[in-house]
Amino acid sequence: MATSIELKTKAAELRKIADKLDEAARALASLDSGNGSFFSTAIATSQQTKPLEFGDLAKMSGVDAIERVMVDADGHPLSKPDILKRLKARGKAIGENTLGAYLSREPRFKSYGEGKWGLVDKVYS
């Protein structure tokens, strides 16, 4: 039976794969001329999904909740106060010091300078 750490590691790997697939789908859609083909329809449908709402992060681990907030940040790195605000709005209470520890120790997070944090495998504009 898999341990909690193994499951979390596997979940992080699967999130990375999903992000890469989303990027590939967007790239394919950009190659499409927007004539209503399968690719443009699939992308339009996938973009209609909304981020999860209030309370959706309450049962997640702190690290997973932070990652979810960053995934839903529309490709922008976030400041610590902004991360805390978004976590609280979605039902997850994490202290400022705990957030700092998670961000600095967890390999899936990276500092992008000027107090902004994001995901390691994302390219921010």
N, C-alpha and C. Protein backbone atom coordinates (compact mmCIF):
# COMPACT_ATOMS: atom_id res chain seq x y z
N MET A 1 0.84 -1.19 0.00
CA MET A 1 0.00 0.00 0.00
C MET A 1 0.89 1.25 0.00
N ALA A 2 0.49 2.23 -0.78
CA ALA A 2 1.28 3.46 -0.93
C ALA A 2 1.16 4.33 0.32
N THR A 3 2.26 4.97 0.66
CA THR A 3 2.25 5.88 1.80
C THR A 3 1.69 7.24 1.37
N SER A 4 1.39 8.04 2.36
CA SER A 4 0.85 9.38 2.09
C SER A 4 1.82 10.21 1.25
N ILE A 5 3.09 10.11 1.57
CA ILE A 5 4.10 10.87 0.82
C ILE A 5 4.16 10.41 -0.62
N GLU A 6 4.10 9.09 -0.83
CA GLU A 6 4.13 8.56 -2.20
C GLU A 6 2.90 9.04 -2.98
N LEU A 7 1.74 9.04 -2.33
CA LEU A 7 0.52 9.49 -3.00
C LEU A 7 0.59 10.97 -3.35
N LYS A 8 1.12 11.78 -2.44
CA LYS A 8 1.25 13.21 -2.71
C LYS A 8 2.24 13.47 -3.83
N THR A 9 3.32 12.70 -3.85
CA THR A 9 4.31 12.83 -4.91
C THR A 9 3.69 12.48 -6.26
N LYS A 10 2.94 11.38 -6.28
CA LYS A 10 2.29 10.96 -7.52
C LYS A 10 1.26 11.99 -7.97
N ALA A 11 0.50 12.57 -7.02
CA ALA A 11 -0.49 13.60 -7.36
C ALA A 11 0.19 14.81 -7.97
N ALA A 12 1.34 15.21 -7.42
CA ALA A 12 2.07 16.35 -7.97
C ALA A 12 2.55 16.05 -9.39
N GLU A 13 3.01 14.82 -9.60
CA GLU A 13 3.46 14.43 -10.94
C GLU A 13 2.29 14.48 -11.93
N LEU A 14 1.13 13.99 -11.50
CA LEU A 14 -0.03 13.98 -12.38
C LEU A 14 -0.51 15.40 -12.68
N ARG A 15 -0.39 16.32 -11.69
CA ARG A 15 -0.75 17.72 -11.94
C ARG A 15 0.16 18.33 -12.98
N LYS A 16 1.45 17.99 -12.91
CA LYS A 16 2.40 18.50 -13.90
C LYS A 16 2.06 18.00 -15.29
N ILE A 17 1.70 16.72 -15.38
CA ILE A 17 1.32 16.14 -16.67
C ILE A 17 0.07 16.84 -17.20
N ALA A 18 -0.91 17.06 -16.31
CA ALA A 18 -2.15 17.72 -16.73
C ALA A 18 -1.86 19.13 -17.23
N ASP A 19 -0.98 19.85 -16.54
CA ASP A 19 -0.62 21.20 -16.99
C ASP A 19 0.05 21.17 -18.35
N LYS A 20 0.92 20.20 -18.58
CA LYS A 20 1.59 20.08 -19.88
C LYS A 20 0.58 19.76 -20.98
N LEU A 21 -0.39 18.90 -20.66
CA LEU A 21 -1.41 18.57 -21.64
C LEU A 21 -2.26 19.80 -21.98
N ASP A 22 -2.60 20.60 -20.95
CA ASP A 22 -3.34 21.83 -21.20
C ASP A 22 -2.55 22.77 -22.10
N GLU A 23 -1.25 22.90 -21.83
CA GLU A 23 -0.41 23.76 -22.67
C GLU A 23 -0.36 23.25 -24.10
N ALA A 24 -0.25 21.94 -24.26
CA ALA A 24 -0.21 21.35 -25.60
C ALA A 24 -1.53 21.59 -26.33
N ALA A 25 -2.63 21.46 -25.62
CA ALA A 25 -3.94 21.69 -26.23
C ALA A 25 -4.08 23.15 -26.66
N ARG A 26 -3.61 24.08 -25.82
CA ARG A 26 -3.66 25.50 -26.20
C ARG A 26 -2.79 25.76 -27.43
N ALA A 27 -1.62 25.12 -27.48
CA ALA A 27 -0.74 25.30 -28.62
C ALA A 27 -1.40 24.78 -29.90
N LEU A 28 -2.04 23.62 -29.79
CA LEU A 28 -2.74 23.08 -30.95
C LEU A 28 -3.89 23.99 -31.37
N ALA A 29 -4.58 24.53 -30.40
CA ALA A 29 -5.69 25.43 -30.72
C ALA A 29 -5.20 26.68 -31.42
N SER A 30 -4.01 27.16 -31.01
CA SER A 30 -3.49 28.36 -31.66
C SER A 30 -3.08 28.07 -33.10
N LEU A 31 -2.75 26.84 -33.39
CA LEU A 31 -2.43 26.47 -34.78
C LEU A 31 -3.69 26.39 -35.63
N ASP A 32 -4.79 26.10 -34.96
CA ASP A 32 -6.07 26.00 -35.64
C ASP A 32 -6.53 27.40 -36.00
N SER A 33 -7.17 27.57 -37.09
CA SER A 33 -7.60 28.90 -37.53
C SER A 33 -8.85 29.39 -36.82
N GLY A 34 -9.35 28.61 -35.87
CA GLY A 34 -10.56 29.03 -35.15
C GLY A 34 -11.82 28.81 -35.96
N ASN A 35 -11.80 27.82 -36.85
CA ASN A 35 -12.94 27.59 -37.73
C ASN A 35 -13.95 26.60 -37.15
N GLY A 36 -13.94 26.42 -35.82
CA GLY A 36 -14.92 25.53 -35.21
C GLY A 36 -14.49 24.08 -35.23
N SER A 37 -13.24 23.82 -35.49
CA SER A 37 -12.78 22.44 -35.52
C SER A 37 -12.75 21.86 -34.12
N PHE A 38 -12.39 20.61 -34.02
CA PHE A 38 -12.31 19.90 -32.74
C PHE A 38 -11.46 20.65 -31.73
N PHE A 39 -10.27 21.12 -32.13
CA PHE A 39 -9.35 21.74 -31.19
C PHE A 39 -9.91 23.03 -30.62
N SER A 40 -10.45 23.89 -31.45
CA SER A 40 -10.97 25.15 -30.91
C SER A 40 -12.19 24.90 -30.03
N THR A 41 -13.02 23.91 -30.38
CA THR A 41 -14.17 23.57 -29.55
C THR A 41 -13.74 22.99 -28.22
N ALA A 42 -12.73 22.12 -28.24
CA ALA A 42 -12.24 21.50 -27.00
C ALA A 42 -11.65 22.53 -26.07
N ILE A 43 -10.89 23.47 -26.60
CA ILE A 43 -10.29 24.50 -25.76
C ILE A 43 -11.36 25.40 -25.18
N ALA A 44 -12.30 25.81 -26.00
CA ALA A 44 -13.37 26.67 -25.50
C ALA A 44 -14.14 25.98 -24.38
N THR A 45 -14.40 24.69 -24.52
CA THR A 45 -15.10 23.94 -23.49
C THR A 45 -14.27 23.84 -22.22
N SER A 46 -12.98 23.56 -22.34
CA SER A 46 -12.14 23.42 -21.16
C SER A 46 -11.96 24.74 -20.43
N GLN A 47 -12.01 25.86 -21.15
CA GLN A 47 -11.85 27.16 -20.52
C GLN A 47 -13.10 27.60 -19.78
N GLN A 48 -14.22 26.90 -19.99
CA GLN A 48 -15.44 27.26 -19.31
C GLN A 48 -15.46 26.72 -17.88
N THR A 49 -14.58 25.79 -17.55
CA THR A 49 -14.56 25.27 -16.20
C THR A 49 -14.05 26.36 -15.26
N LYS A 50 -14.71 26.51 -14.14
CA LYS A 50 -14.38 27.56 -13.19
C LYS A 50 -13.49 26.98 -12.10
N PRO A 51 -12.68 27.84 -11.48
CA PRO A 51 -11.95 27.39 -10.30
C PRO A 51 -12.94 26.96 -9.23
N LEU A 52 -12.51 26.08 -8.37
CA LEU A 52 -13.38 25.64 -7.29
C LEU A 52 -13.70 26.83 -6.39
N GLU A 53 -14.80 26.76 -5.67
CA GLU A 53 -15.27 27.90 -4.90
C GLU A 53 -15.00 27.75 -3.42
N PHE A 54 -15.60 28.65 -2.61
CA PHE A 54 -15.38 28.70 -1.17
C PHE A 54 -15.53 27.33 -0.54
N GLY A 55 -14.63 27.03 0.37
CA GLY A 55 -14.69 25.79 1.11
C GLY A 55 -14.05 24.62 0.40
N ASP A 56 -13.71 24.79 -0.86
CA ASP A 56 -13.16 23.68 -1.62
C ASP A 56 -11.76 23.29 -1.16
N LEU A 57 -11.07 24.19 -0.48
CA LEU A 57 -9.70 23.90 -0.04
C LEU A 57 -9.64 23.43 1.41
N ALA A 58 -10.74 23.50 2.12
CA ALA A 58 -10.75 23.24 3.56
C ALA A 58 -10.20 21.86 3.92
N LYS A 59 -10.47 20.87 3.14
CA LYS A 59 -10.04 19.50 3.48
C LYS A 59 -8.70 19.12 2.84
N MET A 60 -8.14 20.01 2.04
CA MET A 60 -6.84 19.74 1.41
C MET A 60 -5.72 19.99 2.41
N SER A 61 -4.58 19.40 2.15
CA SER A 61 -3.40 19.74 2.94
C SER A 61 -3.01 21.18 2.61
N GLY A 62 -2.26 21.81 3.49
CA GLY A 62 -1.84 23.19 3.25
C GLY A 62 -1.08 23.35 1.96
N VAL A 63 -0.15 22.45 1.71
CA VAL A 63 0.68 22.52 0.51
C VAL A 63 -0.17 22.34 -0.75
N ASP A 64 -1.08 21.39 -0.72
CA ASP A 64 -1.94 21.16 -1.89
C ASP A 64 -2.87 22.35 -2.12
N ALA A 65 -3.36 22.96 -1.04
CA ALA A 65 -4.23 24.13 -1.18
C ALA A 65 -3.48 25.30 -1.80
N ILE A 66 -2.24 25.50 -1.37
CA ILE A 66 -1.42 26.58 -1.94
C ILE A 66 -1.21 26.32 -3.43
N GLU A 67 -0.89 25.10 -3.77
CA GLU A 67 -0.69 24.77 -5.19
C GLU A 67 -1.95 25.03 -5.99
N ARG A 68 -3.11 24.66 -5.45
CA ARG A 68 -4.37 24.86 -6.16
C ARG A 68 -4.62 26.35 -6.41
N VAL A 69 -4.34 27.18 -5.40
CA VAL A 69 -4.50 28.63 -5.54
C VAL A 69 -3.59 29.14 -6.65
N MET A 70 -2.37 28.64 -6.71
CA MET A 70 -1.43 29.08 -7.74
C MET A 70 -1.86 28.62 -9.13
N VAL A 71 -2.40 27.41 -9.21
CA VAL A 71 -2.88 26.90 -10.50
C VAL A 71 -4.02 27.79 -11.01
N ASP A 72 -4.89 28.23 -10.09
CA ASP A 72 -6.04 29.04 -10.46
C ASP A 72 -5.71 30.52 -10.63
N ALA A 73 -4.45 30.89 -10.51
CA ALA A 73 -4.05 32.31 -10.58
C ALA A 73 -3.88 32.82 -12.01
N ASP A 74 -4.34 32.09 -12.98
CA ASP A 74 -4.30 32.53 -14.38
C ASP A 74 -2.89 32.88 -14.87
N GLY A 75 -1.91 32.09 -14.47
CA GLY A 75 -0.57 32.27 -15.00
C GLY A 75 0.22 33.42 -14.41
N HIS A 76 -0.15 33.88 -13.23
CA HIS A 76 0.57 34.99 -12.59
C HIS A 76 1.13 34.53 -11.25
N PRO A 77 2.40 34.82 -10.98
CA PRO A 77 2.91 34.54 -9.63
C PRO A 77 2.21 35.45 -8.63
N LEU A 78 2.12 34.99 -7.39
CA LEU A 78 1.37 35.70 -6.36
C LEU A 78 2.26 36.09 -5.19
N SER A 79 1.90 37.19 -4.53
CA SER A 79 2.59 37.59 -3.30
C SER A 79 2.03 36.75 -2.15
N LYS A 80 2.79 36.70 -1.05
CA LYS A 80 2.32 35.95 0.12
C LYS A 80 0.98 36.48 0.63
N PRO A 81 0.82 37.82 0.78
CA PRO A 81 -0.49 38.31 1.24
C PRO A 81 -1.64 37.91 0.30
N ASP A 82 -1.37 37.90 -0.99
CA ASP A 82 -2.41 37.52 -1.95
C ASP A 82 -2.73 36.03 -1.82
N ILE A 83 -1.71 35.21 -1.63
CA ILE A 83 -1.93 33.77 -1.45
C ILE A 83 -2.77 33.55 -0.20
N LEU A 84 -2.41 34.21 0.90
CA LEU A 84 -3.17 34.06 2.15
C LEU A 84 -4.62 34.49 1.98
N LYS A 85 -4.84 35.60 1.28
CA LYS A 85 -6.19 36.11 1.05
C LYS A 85 -7.02 35.10 0.24
N ARG A 86 -6.41 34.55 -0.80
CA ARG A 86 -7.13 33.59 -1.65
C ARG A 86 -7.41 32.30 -0.90
N LEU A 87 -6.46 31.85 -0.08
CA LEU A 87 -6.68 30.64 0.72
C LEU A 87 -7.85 30.86 1.68
N LYS A 88 -7.85 31.98 2.37
CA LYS A 88 -8.90 32.28 3.35
C LYS A 88 -10.27 32.36 2.67
N ALA A 89 -10.30 33.00 1.49
CA ALA A 89 -11.56 33.14 0.76
C ALA A 89 -12.13 31.80 0.34
N ARG A 90 -11.27 30.81 0.25
CA ARG A 90 -11.70 29.48 -0.19
C ARG A 90 -11.71 28.48 0.95
N GLY A 91 -11.72 28.98 2.19
CA GLY A 91 -11.93 28.12 3.34
C GLY A 91 -10.72 27.48 3.96
N LYS A 92 -9.52 27.91 3.60
CA LYS A 92 -8.29 27.32 4.15
C LYS A 92 -7.54 28.36 4.95
N ALA A 93 -7.35 28.11 6.23
CA ALA A 93 -6.62 29.03 7.08
C ALA A 93 -5.20 28.52 7.28
N ILE A 94 -4.23 29.30 6.84
CA ILE A 94 -2.81 28.99 7.01
C ILE A 94 -2.15 30.25 7.53
N GLY A 95 -1.30 30.10 8.54
CA GLY A 95 -0.61 31.25 9.09
C GLY A 95 0.48 31.74 8.16
N GLU A 96 0.86 33.00 8.35
CA GLU A 96 1.87 33.62 7.49
C GLU A 96 3.21 32.88 7.58
N ASN A 97 3.63 32.51 8.79
CA ASN A 97 4.89 31.78 8.95
C ASN A 97 4.83 30.39 8.33
N THR A 98 3.69 29.74 8.47
CA THR A 98 3.52 28.41 7.88
C THR A 98 3.58 28.51 6.36
N LEU A 99 2.93 29.52 5.81
CA LEU A 99 2.98 29.73 4.36
C LEU A 99 4.41 29.92 3.91
N GLY A 100 5.15 30.77 4.61
CA GLY A 100 6.56 31.00 4.25
C GLY A 100 7.38 29.72 4.29
N ALA A 101 7.13 28.88 5.28
CA ALA A 101 7.85 27.61 5.38
C ALA A 101 7.50 26.70 4.21
N TYR A 102 6.21 26.60 3.90
CA TYR A 102 5.80 25.76 2.77
C TYR A 102 6.43 26.25 1.46
N LEU A 103 6.37 27.55 1.23
CA LEU A 103 6.88 28.10 -0.03
C LEU A 103 8.38 27.87 -0.17
N SER A 104 9.12 28.03 0.91
CA SER A 104 10.57 27.93 0.82
C SER A 104 11.08 26.50 0.85
N ARG A 105 10.31 25.58 1.38
CA ARG A 105 10.79 24.19 1.52
C ARG A 105 10.21 23.21 0.51
N GLU A 106 9.07 23.52 -0.03
CA GLU A 106 8.40 22.59 -0.93
C GLU A 106 8.96 22.77 -2.35
N PRO A 107 9.46 21.69 -2.96
CA PRO A 107 10.10 21.83 -4.28
C PRO A 107 9.17 22.24 -5.42
N ARG A 108 7.88 22.14 -5.24
CA ARG A 108 6.97 22.53 -6.33
C ARG A 108 6.77 24.05 -6.43
N PHE A 109 7.23 24.82 -5.41
CA PHE A 109 7.10 26.27 -5.40
C PHE A 109 8.43 26.94 -5.66
N LYS A 110 8.37 28.11 -6.29
CA LYS A 110 9.58 28.84 -6.63
C LYS A 110 9.35 30.34 -6.45
N SER A 111 10.37 31.02 -5.95
CA SER A 111 10.32 32.47 -5.85
C SER A 111 10.64 33.06 -7.22
N TYR A 112 9.81 33.99 -7.66
CA TYR A 112 10.04 34.65 -8.94
C TYR A 112 10.51 36.08 -8.74
N GLY A 113 10.97 36.39 -7.52
CA GLY A 113 11.49 37.72 -7.22
C GLY A 113 10.40 38.70 -6.87
N GLU A 114 10.80 39.81 -6.29
CA GLU A 114 9.89 40.88 -5.90
C GLU A 114 8.76 40.37 -5.01
N GLY A 115 9.05 39.36 -4.20
CA GLY A 115 8.05 38.83 -3.27
C GLY A 115 6.97 37.99 -3.91
N LYS A 116 7.16 37.57 -5.13
CA LYS A 116 6.16 36.78 -5.86
C LYS A 116 6.58 35.30 -5.88
N TRP A 117 5.58 34.44 -5.72
CA TRP A 117 5.79 33.00 -5.72
C TRP A 117 4.89 32.34 -6.74
N GLY A 118 5.38 31.24 -7.32
CA GLY A 118 4.58 30.49 -8.28
C GLY A 118 5.01 29.04 -8.29
N LEU A 119 4.54 28.33 -9.28
CA LEU A 119 4.87 26.92 -9.43
C LEU A 119 6.14 26.77 -10.26
N VAL A 120 6.94 25.80 -9.93
CA VAL A 120 8.22 25.57 -10.60
C VAL A 120 8.02 25.30 -12.09
N ASP A 121 7.03 24.50 -12.44
CA ASP A 121 6.89 24.07 -13.83
C ASP A 121 6.07 25.02 -14.68
N LYS A 122 5.72 26.20 -14.16
CA LYS A 122 4.93 27.17 -14.93
C LYS A 122 5.86 28.23 -15.52
N VAL A 123 5.46 28.76 -16.65
CA VAL A 123 6.17 29.88 -17.26
C VAL A 123 5.26 31.09 -17.09
N TYR A 124 5.72 32.07 -16.33
CA TYR A 124 4.93 33.26 -16.05
C TYR A 124 5.36 34.39 -16.96
N SER A 125 4.36 35.16 -17.38
CA SER A 125 4.65 36.30 -18.26
C SER A 125 4.83 37.56 -17.47
